[in-house]
Protein backbone atom coordinates (compact mmCIF):
# COMPACT_ATOMS: atom_id res chain seq x y z
CA MET A 1 81.71 -20.61 6.74
CA GLN A 2 78.62 -19.86 4.68
CA ASN A 3 75.90 -22.52 4.38
CA ASN A 4 75.54 -23.48 0.72
CA THR A 5 72.58 -25.82 1.17
CA TYR A 6 68.94 -25.35 0.28
CA LYS A 7 66.23 -27.13 2.27
CA THR A 8 62.60 -27.64 1.32
CA LYS A 9 59.76 -29.93 2.28
CA ASP A 10 58.02 -29.45 -1.08
CA ILE A 11 58.34 -32.67 -3.06
CA ALA A 12 57.43 -31.05 -6.40
CA VAL A 13 60.09 -28.36 -6.03
CA SER A 14 62.54 -31.08 -5.03
CA ALA A 15 61.69 -33.17 -8.10
CA MET A 16 62.20 -30.11 -10.28
CA LEU A 17 65.60 -29.44 -8.69
CA LEU A 18 66.64 -33.05 -9.27
CA THR A 19 65.48 -32.77 -12.87
CA LYS A 20 67.63 -29.64 -13.23
CA LYS A 21 70.61 -31.73 -12.01
CA ILE A 22 70.98 -30.08 -8.60
CA PRO A 23 72.62 -32.58 -6.23
CA LEU A 24 70.40 -34.02 -3.49
CA LEU A 25 72.52 -34.16 -0.35
CA ALA A 26 70.09 -35.65 2.15
CA VAL A 27 66.52 -36.56 2.97
CA ARG A 28 65.75 -35.94 6.62
CA LYS A 29 62.53 -36.91 8.33
CA THR A 30 61.25 -34.95 11.31
CA GLY A 31 58.11 -36.53 12.64
CA GLU A 32 55.78 -36.86 9.67
CA THR A 33 57.61 -34.29 7.55
CA ALA A 34 60.44 -35.02 5.13
CA PHE A 35 62.94 -32.30 4.28
CA PHE A 36 65.05 -32.43 1.14
CA GLU A 37 68.51 -30.86 1.30
CA PHE A 38 70.28 -29.77 -1.88
CA GLY A 39 73.63 -28.24 -2.71
CA GLN A 40 74.02 -25.05 -4.75
CA LYS A 41 71.76 -22.83 -2.62
CA LEU A 42 71.73 -19.81 -4.94
CA ASP A 43 70.82 -21.92 -7.97
CA CYS A 44 68.06 -23.62 -5.96
CA GLU A 45 66.62 -20.29 -4.83
CA GLU A 46 66.52 -18.99 -8.41
CA LEU A 47 65.02 -22.19 -9.82
CA SER A 48 62.45 -22.28 -7.03
CA LYS A 49 61.32 -18.74 -7.88
CA LEU A 50 61.03 -19.69 -11.55
CA TYR A 51 59.02 -22.78 -10.57
CA TRP A 52 56.50 -20.82 -8.50
CA PHE A 53 56.09 -18.19 -11.23
CA GLY A 54 55.49 -20.93 -13.80
CA ASP A 55 58.63 -20.10 -15.76
CA CYS A 56 60.70 -23.23 -15.09
CA GLN A 57 60.61 -25.80 -17.85
CA VAL A 58 61.64 -29.41 -17.31
CA ASN A 59 61.26 -32.69 -19.12
CA ALA A 60 57.92 -34.11 -17.90
CA LYS A 61 59.07 -37.73 -17.97
CA ASP A 62 62.22 -36.95 -15.96
CA PHE A 63 60.18 -34.86 -13.49
CA HIS A 64 57.73 -37.74 -12.96
CA GLN A 65 60.58 -40.20 -12.51
CA ASN A 66 62.25 -37.94 -9.95
CA LEU A 67 58.97 -37.67 -8.00
CA GLY A 68 59.10 -41.45 -7.70
CA VAL A 69 62.71 -41.38 -6.57
CA LEU A 70 61.86 -38.90 -3.81
CA LYS A 71 58.77 -40.84 -2.72
CA ASN A 72 60.91 -43.95 -2.43
CA GLN A 73 63.33 -42.02 -0.22
CA ILE A 74 60.51 -40.80 2.03
CA PHE A 75 58.81 -44.14 2.46
CA LYS A 76 61.87 -46.30 2.97
CA GLU A 77 61.45 -48.28 6.18
CA ASN A 78 64.66 -46.83 7.59
CA ASP A 79 67.92 -45.15 6.62
CA PHE A 80 66.95 -41.49 6.52
CA VAL A 81 70.16 -39.58 6.09
């Protein structure tokens, strides 16, 4: 069975993926590092490339809101998935 998940520790990339409606499957914390796990691996890889080349456009307000959502997930007292 092929793994169809995309993992990153970059919160900005993760916020962009959320803004692009890619489903967040889990937030896992390993020590002081949080990893974000998304479905749709191939879409995530393509969007991530576009992000790093500066060619990925998103709604700024939604992006900012999604950054907050992810920060809340990281800093919750407990319940990391």
